[in-house]
């Protein structure tokens, strides 16, 4: 136990129990998400941006084994000395690693062997938790949040993998939905000019890139009270949105032409209309649901077509600051994951990550953490754009107003959508 007066020991024990429960819950959800997969499903890599399910399960385990057990538990022996080379992701300080775009070639260890690896590390960490230092417990907390990020990646990578199978198999069954009313036309929430504070205020967990808290100047603007729907996106397509260079950034237009982009990812058109592929198989596109699987390039082009723009991350966060970040359509357990239609304003959290017009760059005064964990976010602050709000594949409780997700402008295999803004 850490040093402290006897009066603090029960609180510390409660803290250990709470952290143990959190650790167990996070680890169990990852296994539940992968439970429907065969060894082949869990091994294949469908594209360089995605990773095999087996790799996600092993990498998150490597994180706990390396940064907690190896570094903070005397006498701990690695489960397999060869595996850090396979399951390190991008930590240069941890030495050489297997190439990211070759992860699908790791046919062994098997899925069952990876599950055994997880069980080994889980048992060792749970046993060590009561004696871990405060620094080590902080790393356990970080590891839990890190694994929640990989749970979302696990789901979206499985979706992409199954979409590449000509049979388009469903991961989870889902009842066919009854038609729902279309949402009301987009309304606008007007915001005055002023100086606001954004960034994490402390007092609870946050990733390093969410701070320091700082002031930002807002100009008069308005933000849409809901995200763009599939029905609205279909009108953009019908109006030639993907064929009109006027709406596109130069890099985006080059991407559209080079890749033959004509619709959101997973959409297909037939005589019966548009369909989309999801974790519940191929279904008709729901015109009332939020559009998703669109890139920053597409989001920016749609905003131009709609005589609007994307919100800045400061505008988005200032509006979200007083909203309940646990509300909305998030992933609560291992089951169907899909954006849900909303009759009116659904709030800013859940359903789809919302592209902003802000580059992913450090906040004023940002300093990466010392050591290998300092590579977690800071070194990726180049060439990417910020998304906010979480999605239907984000574990509930993982998002918050200050949370900064980030992807490259062409990427769209995540549940990414669009909320408009405009100057006033």
Protein backbone atom coordinates (compact mmCIF):
# COMPACT_ATOMS: atom_id res chain seq x y z
CA UNK A 1 0.00 0.00 0.00
CA UNK A 2 1.19 3.59 -0.56
CA UNK A 3 2.30 5.60 2.41
CA UNK A 4 -0.46 7.39 4.28
CA UNK A 5 -2.23 7.77 7.59
CA UNK A 6 -4.38 4.82 8.73
CA UNK A 7 -7.52 6.90 8.15
CA UNK A 8 -6.81 6.89 4.43
CA UNK A 9 -6.40 3.13 4.08
CA UNK A 10 -10.08 2.31 3.67
CA UNK A 11 -10.39 4.95 0.96
CA UNK A 12 -7.35 3.48 -0.77
CA UNK A 13 -8.87 0.00 -0.50
CA UNK A 14 -12.10 1.32 -2.02
CA UNK A 15 -10.04 2.89 -4.80
CA UNK A 16 -8.30 -0.44 -5.47
CA UNK A 17 -11.64 -2.27 -5.51
CA UNK A 18 -13.13 0.26 -7.90
CA UNK A 19 -10.16 0.07 -10.21
CA UNK A 20 -10.19 -3.73 -10.10
CA UNK A 21 -13.86 -3.76 -11.06
CA UNK A 22 -13.26 -1.26 -13.86
CA UNK A 23 -10.32 -3.29 -15.17
CA UNK A 24 -12.36 -6.51 -15.10
CA UNK A 25 -15.33 -4.90 -16.87
CA UNK A 26 -13.22 -3.41 -19.65
CA UNK A 27 -11.34 -6.63 -20.24
CA UNK A 28 -14.55 -8.66 -20.30
CA UNK A 29 -16.18 -6.39 -22.89
CA UNK A 30 -13.29 -6.86 -25.33
CA UNK A 31 -13.68 -10.63 -25.12
CA UNK A 32 -17.44 -10.36 -25.54
CA UNK A 33 -17.04 -8.25 -28.68
CA UNK A 34 -14.73 -10.85 -30.20
CA UNK A 35 -16.76 -13.86 -29.04
CA UNK A 36 -18.69 -14.35 -32.34
CA UNK A 37 -15.46 -14.48 -34.36
CA UNK A 38 -13.70 -17.55 -35.69
CA UNK A 39 -9.93 -17.79 -35.59
CA UNK A 40 -9.90 -16.83 -39.28
CA UNK A 41 -12.18 -13.82 -38.66
CA UNK A 42 -9.85 -12.65 -35.92
CA UNK A 43 -6.66 -13.06 -37.97
CA UNK A 44 -7.39 -11.37 -41.30
CA UNK A 45 -6.42 -7.74 -41.89
CA UNK A 46 -8.70 -6.06 -44.44
CA UNK A 47 -6.59 -2.93 -45.06
CA UNK A 48 -3.48 -1.23 -43.59
CA UNK A 49 -5.57 1.18 -41.48
CA UNK A 50 -7.35 -1.71 -39.78
CA UNK A 51 -5.92 -4.37 -37.49
CA UNK A 52 -7.01 -7.96 -36.92
CA UNK A 53 -9.29 -8.53 -33.95
CA UNK A 54 -6.70 -10.91 -32.50
CA UNK A 55 -4.10 -8.14 -32.64
CA UNK A 56 -6.37 -5.71 -30.76
CA UNK A 57 -6.93 -8.29 -28.01
CA UNK A 58 -3.20 -8.93 -27.72
CA UNK A 59 -1.99 -5.34 -28.06
CA UNK A 60 -4.17 -4.05 -25.23
CA UNK A 61 -2.82 -6.91 -23.12
CA UNK A 62 0.75 -6.04 -24.08
CA UNK A 63 0.09 -2.49 -22.87
CA UNK A 64 -0.78 -3.68 -19.35
CA UNK A 65 1.99 -6.28 -19.31
CA UNK A 66 4.64 -3.78 -20.43
CA UNK A 67 3.83 -0.52 -18.70
CA UNK A 68 2.39 -1.93 -15.47
CA UNK A 69 3.58 -5.49 -14.79
CA UNK A 70 7.06 -5.32 -16.34
CA UNK A 71 7.84 -1.84 -15.03
CA UNK A 72 6.14 -1.92 -11.60
CA UNK A 73 5.88 -5.51 -10.35
CA UNK A 74 9.07 -7.10 -9.06
CA UNK A 75 9.69 -10.59 -10.36
CA UNK A 76 7.09 -10.52 -13.11
CA UNK A 77 8.02 -12.68 -16.09
CA UNK A 78 6.59 -11.99 -19.54
CA UNK A 79 4.09 -14.50 -20.86
CA UNK A 80 6.18 -14.91 -24.03
CA UNK A 81 9.40 -13.01 -24.72
CA UNK A 82 8.70 -13.02 -28.48
CA UNK A 83 5.31 -11.36 -28.37
CA UNK A 84 6.23 -7.71 -27.62
CA UNK A 85 7.69 -7.54 -31.14
CA UNK A 86 4.30 -8.64 -32.52
CA UNK A 87 2.00 -6.53 -30.39
CA UNK A 88 3.78 -3.21 -29.85
CA UNK A 89 1.93 -0.65 -31.97
CA UNK A 90 3.98 2.51 -32.44
CA UNK A 91 6.11 2.97 -29.31
CA UNK A 92 9.60 3.69 -30.63
CA UNK A 93 10.99 3.60 -27.08
CA UNK A 94 9.97 -0.08 -26.89
CA UNK A 95 12.18 -1.07 -29.81
CA UNK A 96 11.54 -2.84 -33.10
CA UNK A 97 8.07 -4.12 -33.93
CA UNK A 98 6.17 -6.00 -36.61
CA UNK A 99 5.07 -3.83 -39.56
CA UNK A 100 1.55 -2.49 -39.17
CA UNK A 101 0.43 -3.48 -42.66
CA UNK A 102 1.62 -7.08 -42.05
CA UNK A 103 -0.36 -7.78 -38.89
CA UNK A 104 -2.70 -10.04 -40.83
CA UNK A 105 0.19 -12.42 -41.49
CA UNK A 106 0.46 -13.34 -37.81
CA UNK A 107 -1.52 -16.58 -38.02
CA UNK A 108 0.09 -17.71 -34.78
CA UNK A 109 -0.41 -17.29 -31.87
CA UNK A 110 -3.97 -18.48 -32.33
CA UNK A 111 -7.03 -16.70 -31.01
CA UNK A 112 -7.23 -19.15 -28.13
CA UNK A 113 -3.57 -18.54 -27.29
CA UNK A 114 -4.22 -14.80 -27.25
CA UNK A 115 -7.14 -15.38 -24.90
CA UNK A 116 -4.79 -17.36 -22.65
CA UNK A 117 -2.33 -14.45 -22.77
CA UNK A 118 -5.09 -12.12 -21.64
CA UNK A 119 -6.01 -14.46 -18.78
CA UNK A 120 -2.37 -14.63 -17.65
CA UNK A 121 -1.94 -10.85 -17.60
CA UNK A 122 -5.35 -10.25 -16.03
CA UNK A 123 -4.58 -12.61 -13.16
CA UNK A 124 -1.15 -11.08 -12.56
CA UNK A 125 -2.38 -7.51 -12.61
CA UNK A 126 -5.40 -8.21 -10.41
CA UNK A 127 -3.15 -9.90 -7.84
CA UNK A 128 -0.66 -7.03 -7.92
CA UNK A 129 -3.19 -4.20 -7.79
CA UNK A 130 -3.32 -3.80 -3.97
CA UNK A 131 0.46 -3.24 -3.85
CA UNK A 132 0.82 -1.02 -6.91
CA UNK A 133 2.11 2.51 -6.51
CA UNK A 134 -0.01 5.51 -7.38
CA UNK A 135 1.94 5.88 -10.62
CA UNK A 136 1.22 2.30 -11.58
CA UNK A 137 -2.50 2.62 -10.78
CA UNK A 138 -2.59 5.71 -12.98
CA UNK A 139 -1.19 3.56 -15.79
CA UNK A 140 -3.89 0.93 -15.16
CA UNK A 141 -6.50 3.67 -15.55
CA UNK A 142 -4.83 4.84 -18.75
CA UNK A 143 -4.75 1.25 -19.98
CA UNK A 144 -8.50 0.88 -19.41
CA UNK A 145 -9.25 4.00 -21.45
CA UNK A 146 -6.75 2.83 -24.06
CA UNK A 147 -8.57 -0.50 -24.31
CA UNK A 148 -11.90 1.27 -24.73
CA UNK A 149 -10.42 3.08 -27.72
CA UNK A 150 -9.42 -0.29 -29.14
CA UNK A 151 -12.90 -1.68 -28.50
CA UNK A 152 -14.25 0.91 -30.92
CA UNK A 153 -11.48 0.12 -33.40
CA UNK A 154 -12.18 -3.58 -32.94
CA UNK A 155 -15.83 -3.09 -33.91
CA UNK A 156 -15.13 -0.85 -36.89
CA UNK A 157 -12.29 -3.05 -38.12
CA UNK A 158 -14.58 -6.09 -37.97
CA UNK A 159 -17.20 -4.16 -39.94
CA UNK A 160 -14.67 -3.33 -42.64
CA UNK A 161 -13.42 -6.93 -42.71
CA UNK A 162 -16.91 -8.38 -43.15
CA UNK A 163 -17.71 -5.83 -45.86
CA UNK A 164 -14.83 -7.28 -47.90
CA UNK A 165 -16.39 -10.74 -47.81
CA UNK A 166 -18.60 -11.22 -50.91
CA UNK A 167 -21.21 -12.94 -48.72
CA UNK A 168 -21.44 -9.79 -46.54
CA UNK A 169 -22.10 -11.77 -43.35
CA UNK A 170 -23.71 -10.08 -40.37
CA UNK A 171 -21.85 -10.09 -37.06
CA UNK A 172 -25.04 -9.61 -35.04
CA UNK A 173 -28.63 -10.15 -36.04
CA UNK A 174 -31.05 -7.27 -35.66
CA UNK A 175 -34.80 -7.07 -36.22
CA UNK A 176 -35.86 -5.14 -39.27
CA UNK A 177 -36.81 -1.66 -38.19
CA UNK A 178 -40.19 -0.06 -38.61
CA UNK A 179 -40.20 3.23 -40.56
CA UNK A 180 -39.75 6.27 -38.35
CA UNK A 181 -40.65 9.90 -38.85
CA UNK A 182 -38.08 12.08 -40.51
CA UNK A 183 -36.49 14.61 -38.20
CA UNK A 184 -37.53 18.24 -38.45
CA UNK A 185 -35.44 20.45 -40.73
CA UNK A 186 -32.14 21.50 -39.25
CA UNK A 187 -32.44 24.30 -36.74
CA UNK A 188 -29.64 26.61 -35.73
CA UNK A 189 -28.28 27.35 -32.26
CA UNK A 190 -26.88 30.87 -32.37
CA UNK A 191 -23.86 31.74 -30.26
CA UNK A 192 -22.43 35.16 -29.52
CA UNK A 193 -18.84 36.24 -29.83
CA UNK A 194 -16.72 35.90 -26.74
CA UNK A 195 -13.83 34.26 -25.00
CA UNK A 196 -14.42 30.74 -23.72
CA UNK A 197 -12.28 28.19 -21.92
CA UNK A 198 -11.81 24.79 -23.53
CA UNK A 199 -9.74 21.75 -22.70
CA UNK A 200 -9.95 19.40 -19.75
CA UNK A 201 -10.36 21.15 -16.40
CA UNK A 202 -8.83 18.35 -14.31
CA UNK A 203 -10.33 16.31 -11.50
CA UNK A 204 -10.94 13.19 -13.58
CA UNK A 205 -9.24 11.17 -16.27
CA UNK A 206 -8.34 12.78 -19.59
CA UNK A 207 -5.81 12.04 -22.31
CA UNK A 208 -2.84 14.40 -22.45
CA UNK A 209 -3.97 15.99 -25.73
CA UNK A 210 -7.12 17.34 -24.04
CA UNK A 211 -5.13 19.95 -22.12
CA UNK A 212 -4.00 22.33 -20.93
CA UNK A 213 -7.24 24.20 -20.46
CA UNK A 214 -6.97 27.53 -22.22
CA UNK A 215 -8.95 30.42 -23.63
CA UNK A 216 -10.28 30.57 -27.17
CA UNK A 217 -11.95 33.42 -29.04
CA UNK A 218 -15.28 32.67 -30.71
CA UNK A 219 -16.86 34.82 -33.38
CA UNK A 220 -20.66 35.01 -33.84
CA UNK A 221 -21.77 31.69 -35.26
CA UNK A 222 -24.53 29.10 -35.32
CA UNK A 223 -24.33 25.32 -34.98
CA UNK A 224 -26.90 22.88 -36.33
CA UNK A 225 -29.13 21.28 -33.72
CA UNK A 226 -28.62 17.81 -35.21
CA UNK A 227 -26.34 15.92 -37.57
CA UNK A 228 -26.89 15.51 -41.30
CA UNK A 229 -29.12 12.55 -42.21
CA UNK A 230 -28.80 9.88 -44.88
CA UNK A 231 -31.77 11.39 -46.68
CA UNK A 232 -30.08 14.76 -46.86
CA UNK A 233 -26.87 13.15 -48.05
CA UNK A 234 -28.76 11.32 -50.80
CA UNK A 235 -29.91 14.72 -52.11
CA UNK A 236 -26.28 15.86 -52.17
CA UNK A 237 -25.44 12.81 -54.28
CA UNK A 238 -28.44 13.33 -56.59
CA UNK A 239 -27.43 16.96 -57.10
CA UNK A 240 -24.03 15.86 -58.39
CA UNK A 241 -22.14 16.58 -55.20
CA UNK A 242 -19.48 13.97 -55.92
CA UNK A 243 -19.05 15.26 -59.49
CA UNK A 244 -18.76 19.00 -58.84
CA UNK A 245 -15.21 20.14 -58.09
CA UNK A 246 -16.45 23.52 -56.82
CA UNK A 247 -17.38 22.01 -53.44
CA UNK A 248 -14.15 20.11 -52.84
CA UNK A 249 -10.77 20.94 -51.40
CA UNK A 250 -8.02 20.23 -53.94
CA UNK A 251 -6.76 17.19 -52.02
CA UNK A 252 -10.32 15.97 -51.58
CA UNK A 253 -11.13 16.28 -55.27
CA UNK A 254 -7.94 14.39 -56.14
CA UNK A 255 -8.99 11.66 -53.67
CA UNK A 256 -12.50 11.43 -55.17
CA UNK A 257 -11.12 11.00 -58.67
CA UNK A 258 -8.31 8.62 -57.73
CA UNK A 259 -10.51 6.36 -55.60
CA UNK A 260 -13.72 6.62 -57.62
CA UNK A 261 -15.71 7.86 -54.62
CA UNK A 262 -19.43 8.31 -55.32
CA UNK A 263 -21.14 7.79 -51.93
CA UNK A 264 -20.38 7.12 -48.25
CA UNK A 265 -18.44 3.96 -47.45
CA UNK A 266 -20.60 0.80 -47.48
CA UNK A 267 -23.35 2.39 -49.62
CA UNK A 268 -24.49 0.70 -52.83
CA UNK A 269 -27.17 1.80 -55.30
CA UNK A 270 -29.59 -0.55 -57.06
CA UNK A 271 -32.95 -0.26 -58.80
CA UNK A 272 -34.56 -0.36 -55.35
CA UNK A 273 -32.46 2.56 -54.08
CA UNK A 274 -29.52 2.93 -51.72
CA UNK A 275 -28.45 0.21 -49.31
CA UNK A 276 -25.69 0.16 -46.72
CA UNK A 277 -23.66 -2.64 -45.14
CA UNK A 278 -23.53 -2.73 -41.35
CA UNK A 279 -22.80 -5.11 -38.54
CA UNK A 280 -26.35 -6.44 -39.04
CA UNK A 281 -25.71 -7.13 -42.75
CA UNK A 282 -26.89 -5.21 -45.80
CA UNK A 283 -30.02 -3.17 -45.30
CA UNK A 284 -31.85 -0.30 -46.98
CA UNK A 285 -30.39 3.09 -46.09
CA UNK A 286 -32.52 4.70 -43.39
CA UNK A 287 -33.13 8.29 -44.55
CA UNK A 288 -33.83 9.44 -40.99
CA UNK A 289 -30.57 8.13 -39.51
CA UNK A 290 -27.38 10.19 -39.29
CA UNK A 291 -25.10 9.76 -42.28
CA UNK A 292 -21.90 7.98 -41.31
CA UNK A 293 -18.67 6.58 -42.72
CA UNK A 294 -17.83 9.83 -44.51
CA UNK A 295 -14.38 11.39 -44.66
CA UNK A 296 -13.36 14.91 -43.71
CA UNK A 297 -13.11 15.62 -47.43
CA UNK A 298 -16.73 14.55 -47.91
CA UNK A 299 -17.92 16.41 -44.80
CA UNK A 300 -16.25 19.61 -45.96
CA UNK A 301 -17.68 19.25 -49.49
CA UNK A 302 -21.18 18.66 -48.15
CA UNK A 303 -20.90 21.74 -45.94
CA UNK A 304 -19.86 23.80 -48.96
CA UNK A 305 -22.82 22.44 -50.96
CA UNK A 306 -25.16 23.32 -48.06
CA UNK A 307 -23.81 26.91 -47.85
CA UNK A 308 -22.37 26.16 -44.43
CA UNK A 309 -19.09 25.00 -42.89
CA UNK A 310 -17.84 22.58 -40.27
CA UNK A 311 -17.70 23.83 -36.67
CA UNK A 312 -14.37 24.52 -35.04
CA UNK A 313 -13.54 22.31 -32.10
CA UNK A 314 -13.74 25.35 -29.79
CA UNK A 315 -17.27 26.12 -31.02
CA UNK A 316 -18.28 22.49 -30.57
CA UNK A 317 -16.82 22.15 -27.08
CA UNK A 318 -18.25 25.44 -25.84
CA UNK A 319 -21.73 24.25 -26.83
CA UNK A 320 -21.20 20.76 -25.40
CA UNK A 321 -19.77 21.88 -22.06
CA UNK A 322 -23.11 21.80 -20.24
CA UNK A 323 -24.49 18.64 -21.86
CA UNK A 324 -24.51 15.15 -20.39
CA UNK A 325 -21.67 13.31 -22.11
CA UNK A 326 -23.05 9.92 -21.04
CA UNK A 327 -26.36 10.45 -22.85
CA UNK A 328 -26.91 9.53 -26.47
CA UNK A 329 -26.49 6.34 -28.46
CA UNK A 330 -23.27 4.67 -27.31
CA UNK A 331 -22.08 1.07 -27.12
CA UNK A 332 -23.27 -0.39 -23.85
CA UNK A 333 -22.43 -4.05 -24.41
CA UNK A 334 -21.57 -6.51 -27.13
CA UNK A 335 -24.46 -6.19 -29.53
CA UNK A 336 -25.74 -4.32 -32.61
CA UNK A 337 -23.95 -1.04 -33.19
CA UNK A 338 -25.61 1.46 -35.49
CA UNK A 339 -26.54 5.17 -35.49
CA UNK A 340 -30.19 5.58 -34.54
CA UNK A 341 -32.70 8.03 -36.02
CA UNK A 342 -33.66 10.99 -33.87
CA UNK A 343 -36.98 12.84 -34.12
CA UNK A 344 -35.43 16.16 -33.17
CA UNK A 345 -32.18 17.48 -31.69
CA UNK A 346 -30.40 14.41 -30.27
CA UNK A 347 -27.66 16.27 -28.45
CA UNK A 348 -23.98 16.37 -29.26
CA UNK A 349 -22.89 12.96 -27.95
CA UNK A 350 -23.14 9.49 -29.44
CA UNK A 351 -24.33 8.08 -32.78
CA UNK A 352 -21.51 9.47 -34.98
CA UNK A 353 -18.20 11.21 -34.45
CA UNK A 354 -18.57 14.73 -35.78
CA UNK A 355 -15.88 16.18 -38.00
CA UNK A 356 -14.69 19.65 -37.08
CA UNK A 357 -12.76 22.06 -39.25
CA UNK A 358 -9.90 22.13 -36.74
CA UNK A 359 -6.51 20.59 -37.32
CA UNK A 360 -5.26 18.22 -34.65
CA UNK A 361 -2.49 20.30 -33.13
CA UNK A 362 -1.25 20.80 -29.55
CA UNK A 363 -3.00 23.24 -27.25
CA UNK A 364 -0.93 26.15 -25.90
CA UNK A 365 1.43 24.81 -23.25
CA UNK A 366 1.01 21.13 -24.19
CA UNK A 367 3.86 18.90 -22.99
CA UNK A 368 3.99 15.15 -23.70
CA UNK A 369 4.40 12.82 -20.73
CA UNK A 370 7.82 11.43 -19.92
CA UNK A 371 8.80 8.01 -21.23
CA UNK A 372 7.18 5.73 -23.77
CA UNK A 373 3.62 6.68 -22.81
CA UNK A 374 4.48 10.20 -23.96
CA UNK A 375 4.21 8.80 -27.50
CA UNK A 376 0.51 8.13 -26.95
CA UNK A 377 -0.88 11.25 -28.66
CA UNK A 378 1.58 14.06 -29.15
CA UNK A 379 3.56 12.65 -32.05
CA UNK A 380 0.41 12.32 -34.17
CA UNK A 381 -0.35 16.05 -34.16
CA UNK A 382 0.27 16.51 -37.87
CA UNK A 383 -1.98 16.28 -40.91
CA UNK A 384 -5.10 15.09 -39.06
CA UNK A 385 -8.44 16.67 -38.15
CA UNK A 386 -10.37 16.64 -34.88
CA UNK A 387 -13.66 14.83 -34.35
CA UNK A 388 -15.90 15.26 -31.34
CA UNK A 389 -18.72 13.60 -29.46
CA UNK A 390 -18.27 9.83 -29.67
CA UNK A 391 -20.27 7.33 -31.70
CA UNK A 392 -22.52 4.30 -31.44
CA UNK A 393 -19.32 2.23 -31.24
CA UNK A 394 -17.82 4.25 -28.37
CA UNK A 395 -18.22 2.60 -24.95
CA UNK A 396 -20.62 4.64 -22.83
CA UNK A 397 -18.74 6.88 -20.41
CA UNK A 398 -15.64 7.08 -22.59
CA UNK A 399 -16.49 10.43 -24.24
CA UNK A 400 -16.57 13.90 -22.68
CA UNK A 401 -16.82 17.48 -23.91
CA UNK A 402 -13.04 17.89 -24.08
CA UNK A 403 -12.35 14.54 -25.82
CA UNK A 404 -10.36 14.97 -29.06
CA UNK A 405 -10.52 12.14 -31.56
CA UNK A 406 -8.47 12.51 -34.73
CA UNK A 407 -8.10 10.92 -38.15
CA UNK A 408 -6.58 11.72 -41.51
CA UNK A 409 -8.92 13.58 -43.89
CA UNK A 410 -9.44 10.64 -46.26
CA UNK A 411 -10.29 8.06 -43.58
CA UNK A 412 -13.91 7.02 -43.16
CA UNK A 413 -14.15 3.47 -41.84
CA UNK A 414 -15.04 4.81 -38.39
CA UNK A 415 -18.57 5.98 -37.53
CA UNK A 416 -17.90 9.53 -38.68
CA UNK A 417 -20.63 12.04 -39.51
CA UNK A 418 -21.37 15.72 -40.04
CA UNK A 419 -22.85 18.58 -38.01
CA UNK A 420 -22.95 21.91 -39.83
CA UNK A 421 -22.05 25.39 -38.63
CA UNK A 422 -22.17 28.84 -40.17
CA UNK A 423 -21.03 32.38 -39.50
CA UNK A 424 -23.61 34.97 -38.47
